[in-house]
Amino acid sequence: MNFNLAMLAESMNTSEQRLYKEFKLYFGVTFSDYLENSRIQKAGQLLKEGIAVKEVAVQVGYGSDYSFRRAFKRCTGVTPSTYIKIK
């Protein structure tokens, strides 16, 4: 399941625009940045457990391991394989 702002807004009976503004005001980051950071944090835990990168990508909600690897490096500064080695 791909969780997103539209789904959250609908479940809260509010508009996406209003939720976006309130989320950023309250948390100091956009919803998409928060969601991405949460996924990457969970991915780090799974990688430490020895789960394969492709499987981690699926479990944290990425459509491909390529997009996951790019997001992981953007957020952590290292590739998933390097992360495994240094952690």
PDB file of N, CA and C in Angstrom:
ATOM      1  N   MET A   1       0.837  -1.181   0.000  1.00  0.00           N
ATOM      2  CA  MET A   1       0.000   0.000   0.000  1.00  0.00           C
ATOM      3  C   MET A   1       0.882   1.244   0.000  1.00  0.00           C
ATOM      4  N   ASN A   2       0.547   2.187  -0.811  1.00  0.00           N
ATOM      5  CA  ASN A   2       1.324   3.414  -0.911  1.00  0.00           C
ATOM      6  C   ASN A   2       0.615   4.527  -0.156  1.00  0.00           C
ATOM      7  N   PHE A   3       1.085   4.851   1.008  1.00  0.00           N
ATOM      8  CA  PHE A   3       0.480   5.868   1.865  1.00  0.00           C
ATOM      9  C   PHE A   3       0.897   7.249   1.379  1.00  0.00           C
ATOM     10  N   ASN A   4      -0.047   8.183   1.341  1.00  0.00           N
ATOM     11  CA  ASN A   4       0.292   9.530   0.879  1.00  0.00           C
ATOM     12  C   ASN A   4      -0.587  10.580   1.550  1.00  0.00           C
ATOM     13  N   LEU A   5      -0.306  11.829   1.251  1.00  0.00           N
ATOM     14  CA  LEU A   5      -1.014  12.951   1.862  1.00  0.00           C
ATOM     15  C   LEU A   5      -2.502  12.922   1.537  1.00  0.00           C
ATOM     16  N   ALA A   6      -2.847  12.573   0.318  1.00  0.00           N
ATOM     17  CA  ALA A   6      -4.258  12.532  -0.080  1.00  0.00           C
ATOM     18  C   ALA A   6      -5.042  11.539   0.770  1.00  0.00           C
ATOM     19  N   MET A   7      -4.462  10.380   1.027  1.00  0.00           N
ATOM     20  CA  MET A   7      -5.128   9.369   1.850  1.00  0.00           C
ATOM     21  C   MET A   7      -5.314   9.870   3.278  1.00  0.00           C
ATOM     22  N   LEU A   8      -4.288  10.512   3.818  1.00  0.00           N
ATOM     23  CA  LEU A   8      -4.373  11.031   5.177  1.00  0.00           C
ATOM     24  C   LEU A   8      -5.411  12.143   5.265  1.00  0.00           C
ATOM     25  N   ALA A   9      -5.414  13.045   4.301  1.00  0.00           N
ATOM     26  CA  ALA A   9      -6.380  14.146   4.289  1.00  0.00           C
ATOM     27  C   ALA A   9      -7.804  13.614   4.220  1.00  0.00           C
ATOM     28  N   GLU A  10      -8.012  12.626   3.374  1.00  0.00           N
ATOM     29  CA  GLU A  10      -9.351  12.044   3.248  1.00  0.00           C
ATOM     30  C   GLU A  10      -9.796  11.406   4.556  1.00  0.00           C
ATOM     31  N   SER A  11      -8.899  10.684   5.197  1.00  0.00           N
ATOM     32  CA  SER A  11      -9.264  10.024   6.457  1.00  0.00           C
ATOM     33  C   SER A  11      -9.536  11.025   7.577  1.00  0.00           C
ATOM     34  N   MET A  12      -8.989  12.231   7.436  1.00  0.00           N
ATOM     35  CA  MET A  12      -9.193  13.273   8.444  1.00  0.00           C
ATOM     36  C   MET A  12     -10.281  14.272   8.036  1.00  0.00           C
ATOM     37  N   ASN A  13     -10.922  14.014   6.905  1.00  0.00           N
ATOM     38  CA  ASN A  13     -11.970  14.897   6.390  1.00  0.00           C
ATOM     39  C   ASN A  13     -11.517  16.346   6.272  1.00  0.00           C
ATOM     40  N   THR A  14     -10.356  16.527   5.667  1.00  0.00           N
ATOM     41  CA  THR A  14      -9.816  17.866   5.442  1.00  0.00           C
ATOM     42  C   THR A  14      -9.200  17.912   4.044  1.00  0.00           C
ATOM     43  N   SER A  15      -8.872  19.086   3.593  1.00  0.00           N
ATOM     44  CA  SER A  15      -8.255  19.210   2.268  1.00  0.00           C
ATOM     45  C   SER A  15      -6.755  18.912   2.355  1.00  0.00           C
ATOM     46  N   GLU A  16      -6.191  18.489   1.233  1.00  0.00           N
ATOM     47  CA  GLU A  16      -4.754  18.245   1.182  1.00  0.00           C
ATOM     48  C   GLU A  16      -3.977  19.518   1.472  1.00  0.00           C
ATOM     49  N   GLN A  17      -4.441  20.628   0.895  1.00  0.00           N
ATOM     50  CA  GLN A  17      -3.742  21.906   1.072  1.00  0.00           C
ATOM     51  C   GLN A  17      -3.702  22.314   2.543  1.00  0.00           C
ATOM     52  N   ARG A  18      -4.821  22.179   3.227  1.00  0.00           N
ATOM     53  CA  ARG A  18      -4.862  22.555   4.644  1.00  0.00           C
ATOM     54  C   ARG A  18      -3.973  21.632   5.471  1.00  0.00           C
ATOM     55  N   LEU A  19      -4.072  20.337   5.210  1.00  0.00           N
ATOM     56  CA  LEU A  19      -3.249  19.376   5.945  1.00  0.00           C
ATOM     57  C   LEU A  19      -1.774  19.620   5.693  1.00  0.00           C
ATOM     58  N   TYR A  20      -1.416  19.907   4.438  1.00  0.00           N
ATOM     59  CA  TYR A  20      -0.022  20.194   4.087  1.00  0.00           C
ATOM     60  C   TYR A  20       0.507  21.355   4.923  1.00  0.00           C
ATOM     61  N   LYS A  21      -0.248  22.445   4.965  1.00  0.00           N
ATOM     62  CA  LYS A  21       0.185  23.638   5.706  1.00  0.00           C
ATOM     63  C   LYS A  21       0.280  23.373   7.201  1.00  0.00           C
ATOM     64  N   GLU A  22      -0.725  22.716   7.746  1.00  0.00           N
ATOM     65  CA  GLU A  22      -0.722  22.441   9.187  1.00  0.00           C
ATOM     66  C   GLU A  22       0.359  21.441   9.577  1.00  0.00           C
ATOM     67  N   PHE A  23       0.581  20.458   8.736  1.00  0.00           N
ATOM     68  CA  PHE A  23       1.626  19.467   8.998  1.00  0.00           C
ATOM     69  C   PHE A  23       2.987  20.143   9.047  1.00  0.00           C
ATOM     70  N   LYS A  24       3.254  20.988   8.055  1.00  0.00           N
ATOM     71  CA  LYS A  24       4.549  21.670   8.002  1.00  0.00           C
ATOM     72  C   LYS A  24       4.713  22.628   9.179  1.00  0.00           C
ATOM     73  N   LEU A  25       3.663  23.305   9.541  1.00  0.00           N
ATOM     74  CA  LEU A  25       3.710  24.223  10.679  1.00  0.00           C
ATOM     75  C   LEU A  25       4.001  23.464  11.973  1.00  0.00           C
ATOM     76  N   TYR A  26       3.335  22.333  12.162  1.00  0.00           N
ATOM     77  CA  TYR A  26       3.475  21.569  13.396  1.00  0.00           C
ATOM     78  C   TYR A  26       4.802  20.818  13.482  1.00  0.00           C
ATOM     79  N   PHE A  27       5.179  20.143  12.389  1.00  0.00           N
ATOM     80  CA  PHE A  27       6.374  19.295  12.413  1.00  0.00           C
ATOM     81  C   PHE A  27       7.634  19.963  11.877  1.00  0.00           C
ATOM     82  N   GLY A  28       7.480  21.070  11.167  1.00  0.00           N
ATOM     83  CA  GLY A  28       8.644  21.775  10.640  1.00  0.00           C
ATOM     84  C   GLY A  28       9.209  21.193   9.360  1.00  0.00           C
ATOM     85  N   VAL A  29       8.568  20.180   8.824  1.00  0.00           N
ATOM     86  CA  VAL A  29       8.958  19.576   7.550  1.00  0.00           C
ATOM     87  C   VAL A  29       7.687  19.253   6.779  1.00  0.00           C
ATOM     88  N   THR A  30       7.835  19.067   5.473  1.00  0.00           N
ATOM     89  CA  THR A  30       6.671  18.677   4.685  1.00  0.00           C
ATOM     90  C   THR A  30       6.302  17.233   4.981  1.00  0.00           C
ATOM     91  N   PHE A  31       5.066  16.880   4.649  1.00  0.00           N
ATOM     92  CA  PHE A  31       4.611  15.511   4.850  1.00  0.00           C
ATOM     93  C   PHE A  31       5.478  14.527   4.072  1.00  0.00           C
ATOM     94  N   SER A  32       5.794  14.874   2.818  1.00  0.00           N
ATOM     95  CA  SER A  32       6.595  13.952   2.000  1.00  0.00           C
ATOM     96  C   SER A  32       7.995  13.767   2.571  1.00  0.00           C
ATOM     97  N   ASP A  33       8.603  14.832   3.096  1.00  0.00           N
ATOM     98  CA  ASP A  33       9.922  14.693   3.722  1.00  0.00           C
ATOM     99  C   ASP A  33       9.833  13.831   4.986  1.00  0.00           C
ATOM    100  N   TYR A  34       8.797  14.042   5.768  1.00  0.00           N
ATOM    101  CA  TYR A  34       8.590  13.252   6.985  1.00  0.00           C
ATOM    102  C   TYR A  34       8.419  11.772   6.639  1.00  0.00           C
ATOM    103  N   LEU A  35       7.575  11.508   5.634  1.00  0.00           N
ATOM    104  CA  LEU A  35       7.329  10.135   5.232  1.00  0.00           C
ATOM    105  C   LEU A  35       8.598   9.480   4.697  1.00  0.00           C
ATOM    106  N   GLU A  36       9.335  10.201   3.867  1.00  0.00           N
ATOM    107  CA  GLU A  36      10.576   9.649   3.325  1.00  0.00           C
ATOM    108  C   GLU A  36      11.575   9.350   4.439  1.00  0.00           C
ATOM    109  N   ASN A  37      11.740  10.268   5.368  1.00  0.00           N
ATOM    110  CA  ASN A  37      12.678  10.042   6.475  1.00  0.00           C
ATOM    111  C   ASN A  37      12.252   8.862   7.339  1.00  0.00           C
ATOM    112  N   SER A  38      10.937   8.711   7.550  1.00  0.00           N
ATOM    113  CA  SER A  38      10.440   7.568   8.320  1.00  0.00           C
ATOM    114  C   SER A  38      10.733   6.260   7.599  1.00  0.00           C
ATOM    115  N   ARG A  39      10.520   6.248   6.284  1.00  0.00           N
ATOM    116  CA  ARG A  39      10.799   5.040   5.498  1.00  0.00           C
ATOM    117  C   ARG A  39      12.278   4.695   5.528  1.00  0.00           C
ATOM    118  N   ILE A  40      13.132   5.692   5.397  1.00  0.00           N
ATOM    119  CA  ILE A  40      14.576   5.451   5.385  1.00  0.00           C
ATOM    120  C   ILE A  40      15.051   4.977   6.758  1.00  0.00           C
ATOM    121  N   GLN A  41      14.478   5.542   7.812  1.00  0.00           N
ATOM    122  CA  GLN A  41      14.841   5.107   9.168  1.00  0.00           C
ATOM    123  C   GLN A  41      14.472   3.630   9.361  1.00  0.00           C
ATOM    124  N   LYS A  42      13.270   3.253   8.920  1.00  0.00           N
ATOM    125  CA  LYS A  42      12.847   1.854   9.011  1.00  0.00           C
ATOM    126  C   LYS A  42      13.739   0.971   8.140  1.00  0.00           C
ATOM    127  N   ALA A  43      14.096   1.470   6.965  1.00  0.00           N
ATOM    128  CA  ALA A  43      14.969   0.720   6.069  1.00  0.00           C
ATOM    129  C   ALA A  43      16.311   0.439   6.731  1.00  0.00           C
ATOM    130  N   GLY A  44      16.857   1.413   7.415  1.00  0.00           N
ATOM    131  CA  GLY A  44      18.127   1.219   8.118  1.00  0.00           C
ATOM    132  C   GLY A  44      18.036   0.089   9.120  1.00  0.00           C
ATOM    133  N   GLN A  45      16.933   0.022   9.854  1.00  0.00           N
ATOM    134  CA  GLN A  45      16.736  -1.058  10.822  1.00  0.00           C
ATOM    135  C   GLN A  45      16.685  -2.421  10.122  1.00  0.00           C
ATOM    136  N   LEU A  46      15.945  -2.467   9.017  1.00  0.00           N
ATOM    137  CA  LEU A  46      15.824  -3.729   8.282  1.00  0.00           C
ATOM    138  C   LEU A  46      17.155  -4.164   7.679  1.00  0.00           C
ATOM    139  N   LEU A  47      17.914  -3.210   7.168  1.00  0.00           N
ATOM    140  CA  LEU A  47      19.225  -3.542   6.609  1.00  0.00           C
ATOM    141  C   LEU A  47      20.147  -4.109   7.690  1.00  0.00           C
ATOM    142  N   LYS A  48      20.084  -3.547   8.889  1.00  0.00           N
ATOM    143  CA  LYS A  48      20.897  -4.048  10.002  1.00  0.00           C
ATOM    144  C   LYS A  48      20.520  -5.477  10.372  1.00  0.00           C
ATOM    145  N   GLU A  49      19.252  -5.831  10.110  1.00  0.00           N
ATOM    146  CA  GLU A  49      18.788  -7.192  10.411  1.00  0.00           C
ATOM    147  C   GLU A  49      19.214  -8.192   9.343  1.00  0.00           C
ATOM    148  N   GLY A  50      19.849  -7.704   8.283  1.00  0.00           N
ATOM    149  CA  GLY A  50      20.342  -8.585   7.244  1.00  0.00           C
ATOM    150  C   GLY A  50      19.370  -8.841   6.104  1.00  0.00           C
ATOM    151  N   ILE A  51      18.306  -8.065   6.030  1.00  0.00           N
ATOM    152  CA  ILE A  51      17.339  -8.233   4.944  1.00  0.00           C
ATOM    153  C   ILE A  51      17.916  -7.618   3.676  1.00  0.00           C
ATOM    154  N   ALA A  52      17.715  -8.292   2.559  1.00  0.00           N
ATOM    155  CA  ALA A  52      18.259  -7.859   1.270  1.00  0.00           C
ATOM    156  C   ALA A  52      17.681  -6.503   0.859  1.00  0.00           C
ATOM    157  N   VAL A  53      18.499  -5.732   0.155  1.00  0.00           N
ATOM    158  CA  VAL A  53      18.120  -4.381  -0.252  1.00  0.00           C
ATOM    159  C   VAL A  53      16.814  -4.384  -1.041  1.00  0.00           C
ATOM    160  N   LYS A  54      16.660  -5.298  -1.972  1.00  0.00           N
ATOM    161  CA  LYS A  54      15.426  -5.359  -2.771  1.00  0.00           C
ATOM    162  C   LYS A  54      14.207  -5.591  -1.891  1.00  0.00           C
ATOM    163  N   GLU A  55      14.321  -6.455  -0.924  1.00  0.00           N
ATOM    164  CA  GLU A  55      13.210  -6.737  -0.015  1.00  0.00           C
ATOM    165  C   GLU A  55      12.926  -5.541   0.884  1.00  0.00           C
ATOM    166  N   VAL A  56      13.961  -4.875   1.347  1.00  0.00           N
ATOM    167  CA  VAL A  56      13.786  -3.677   2.172  1.00  0.00           C
ATOM    168  C   VAL A  56      13.031  -2.615   1.380  1.00  0.00           C
ATOM    169  N   ALA A  57      13.405  -2.436   0.133  1.00  0.00           N
ATOM    170  CA  ALA A  57      12.740  -1.445  -0.719  1.00  0.00           C
ATOM    171  C   ALA A  57      11.238  -1.697  -0.770  1.00  0.00           C
ATOM    172  N   VAL A  58      10.865  -2.936  -0.954  1.00  0.00           N
ATOM    173  CA  VAL A  58       9.444  -3.303  -1.014  1.00  0.00           C
ATOM    174  C   VAL A  58       8.773  -3.057   0.335  1.00  0.00           C
ATOM    175  N   GLN A  59       9.413  -3.492   1.401  1.00  0.00           N
ATOM    176  CA  GLN A  59       8.814  -3.384   2.732  1.00  0.00           C
ATOM    177  C   GLN A  59       8.592  -1.941   3.175  1.00  0.00           C
ATOM    178  N   VAL A  60       9.436  -1.026   2.745  1.00  0.00           N
ATOM    179  CA  VAL A  60       9.266   0.373   3.173  1.00  0.00           C
ATOM    180  C   VAL A  60       8.516   1.217   2.142  1.00  0.00           C
ATOM    181  N   GLY A  61       8.014   0.575   1.083  1.00  0.00           N
ATOM    182  CA  GLY A  61       7.101   1.257   0.187  1.00  0.00           C
ATOM    183  C   GLY A  61       7.649   1.850  -1.091  1.00  0.00           C
ATOM    184  N   TYR A  62       8.817   1.413  -1.525  1.00  0.00           N
ATOM    185  CA  TYR A  62       9.367   1.909  -2.787  1.00  0.00           C
ATOM    186  C   TYR A  62       9.000   0.957  -3.913  1.00  0.00           C
ATOM    187  N   GLY A  63       8.736   1.517  -5.090  1.00  0.00           N
ATOM    188  CA  GLY A  63       8.332   0.725  -6.234  1.00  0.00           C
ATOM    189  C   GLY A  63       9.469  -0.037  -6.879  1.00  0.00           C
ATOM    190  N   SER A  64      10.691   0.410  -6.649  1.00  0.00           N
ATOM    191  CA  SER A  64      11.853  -0.281  -7.204  1.00  0.00           C
ATOM    192  C   SER A  64      13.035  -0.106  -6.263  1.00  0.00           C
ATOM    193  N   ASP A  65      13.970  -1.040  -6.362  1.00  0.00           N
ATOM    194  CA  ASP A  65      15.153  -0.903  -5.519  1.00  0.00           C
ATOM    195  C   ASP A  65      16.014   0.264  -5.997  1.00  0.00           C
ATOM    196  N   TYR A  66      15.921   0.623  -7.284  1.00  0.00           N
ATOM    197  CA  TYR A  66      16.666   1.771  -7.800  1.00  0.00           C
ATOM    198  C   TYR A  66      16.203   3.069  -7.122  1.00  0.00           C
ATOM    199  N   SER A  67      14.900   3.294  -7.073  1.00  0.00           N
ATOM    200  CA  SER A  67      14.400   4.518  -6.435  1.00  0.00           C
ATOM    201  C   SER A  67      14.699   4.503  -4.939  1.00  0.00           C
ATOM    202  N   PHE A  68      14.640   3.322  -4.332  1.00  0.00           N
ATOM    203  CA  PHE A  68      14.982   3.210  -2.919  1.00  0.00           C
ATOM    204  C   PHE A  68      16.447   3.573  -2.669  1.00  0.00           C
ATOM    205  N   ARG A  69      17.340   3.034  -3.487  1.00  0.00           N
ATOM    206  CA  ARG A  69      18.770   3.304  -3.311  1.00  0.00           C
ATOM    207  C   ARG A  69      19.074   4.810  -3.435  1.00  0.00           C
ATOM    208  N   ARG A  70      18.435   5.451  -4.415  1.00  0.00           N
ATOM    209  CA  ARG A  70      18.629   6.901  -4.606  1.00  0.00           C
ATOM    210  C   ARG A  70      18.130   7.672  -3.390  1.00  0.00           C
ATOM    211  N   ALA A  71      16.947   7.331  -2.900  1.00  0.00           N
ATOM    212  CA  ALA A  71      16.387   8.015  -1.732  1.00  0.00           C
ATOM    213  C   ALA A  71      17.244   7.761  -0.493  1.00  0.00           C
ATOM    214  N   PHE A  72      17.697   6.533  -0.329  1.00  0.00           N
ATOM    215  CA  PHE A  72      18.511   6.186   0.829  1.00  0.00           C
ATOM    216  C   PHE A  72      19.800   7.012   0.850  1.00  0.00           C
ATOM    217  N   LYS A  73      20.454   7.090  -0.306  1.00  0.00           N
ATOM    218  CA  LYS A  73      21.703   7.854  -0.378  1.00  0.00           C
ATOM    219  C   LYS A  73      21.448   9.343  -0.154  1.00  0.00           C
ATOM    220  N   ARG A  74      20.354   9.869  -0.703  1.00  0.00           N
ATOM    221  CA  ARG A  74      20.019  11.280  -0.526  1.00  0.00           C
ATOM    222  C   ARG A  74      19.799  11.608   0.962  1.00  0.00           C
ATOM    223  N   CYS A  75      19.170  10.696   1.681  1.00  0.00           N
ATOM    224  CA  CYS A  75      18.848  10.942   3.094  1.00  0.00           C
ATOM    225  C   CYS A  75      19.998  10.643   4.053  1.00  0.00           C
ATOM    226  N   THR A  76      20.804   9.644   3.739  1.00  0.00           N
ATOM    227  CA  THR A  76      21.851   9.223   4.679  1.00  0.00           C
ATOM    228  C   THR A  76      23.257   9.617   4.244  1.00  0.00           C
ATOM    229  N   GLY A  77      23.416   9.892   2.949  1.00  0.00           N
ATOM    230  CA  GLY A  77      24.740  10.226   2.440  1.00  0.00           C
ATOM    231  C   GLY A  77      25.555   9.029   1.997  1.00  0.00           C
ATOM    232  N   VAL A  78      25.007   7.831   2.204  1.00  0.00           N
ATOM    233  CA  VAL A  78      25.700   6.610   1.787  1.00  0.00           C
ATOM    234  C   VAL A  78      24.702   5.665   1.120  1.00  0.00           C
ATOM    235  N   THR A  79      25.218   4.746   0.332  1.00  0.00           N
ATOM    236  CA  THR A  79      24.358   3.743  -0.292  1.00  0.00           C
ATOM    237  C   THR A  79      23.940   2.704   0.752  1.00  0.00           C
ATOM    238  N   PRO A  80      22.877   1.960   0.477  1.00  0.00           N
ATOM    239  CA  PRO A  80      22.485   0.902   1.424  1.00  0.00           C
ATOM    240  C   PRO A  80      23.595  -0.114   1.683  1.00  0.00           C
ATOM    241  N   SER A  81      24.340  -0.488   0.651  1.00  0.00           N
ATOM    242  CA  SER A  81      25.410  -1.475   0.856  1.00  0.00           C
ATOM    243  C   SER A  81      26.524  -0.916   1.738  1.00  0.00           C
ATOM    244  N   THR A  82      26.850   0.346   1.567  1.00  0.00           N
ATOM    245  CA  THR A  82      27.852   0.966   2.430  1.00  0.00           C
ATOM    246  C   THR A  82      27.317   1.071   3.857  1.00  0.00           C
ATOM    247  N   TYR A  83      26.064   1.410   4.007  1.00  0.00           N
ATOM    248  CA  TYR A  83      25.428   1.513   5.328  1.00  0.00           C
ATOM    249  C   TYR A  83      25.530   0.194   6.083  1.00  0.00           C
ATOM    250  N   ILE A  84      25.299  -0.899   5.370  1.00  0.00           N
ATOM    251  CA  ILE A  84      25.378  -2.219   5.990  1.00  0.00           C
ATOM    252  C   ILE A  84      26.785  -2.480   6.527  1.00  0.00           C
ATOM    253  N   LYS A  85      27.769  -2.077   5.759  1.00  0.00           N
ATOM    254  CA  LYS A  85      29.162  -2.312   6.146  1.00  0.00           C
ATOM    255  C   LYS A  85      29.596  -1.473   7.346  1.00  0.00           C
ATOM    256  N   ILE A  86      29.098  -0.254   7.459  1.00  0.00           N
ATOM    257  CA  ILE A  86      29.562   0.633   8.534  1.00  0.00           C
ATOM    258  C   ILE A  86      28.707   0.536   9.794  1.00  0.00           C
ATOM    259  N   LYS A  87      27.589  -0.130   9.716  1.00  0.00           N
ATOM    260  CA  LYS A  87      26.728  -0.221  10.904  1.00  0.00           C
ATOM    261  C   LYS A  87      26.893  -1.509  11.577  1.00  0.00           C
TER     262      LYS A  87
END
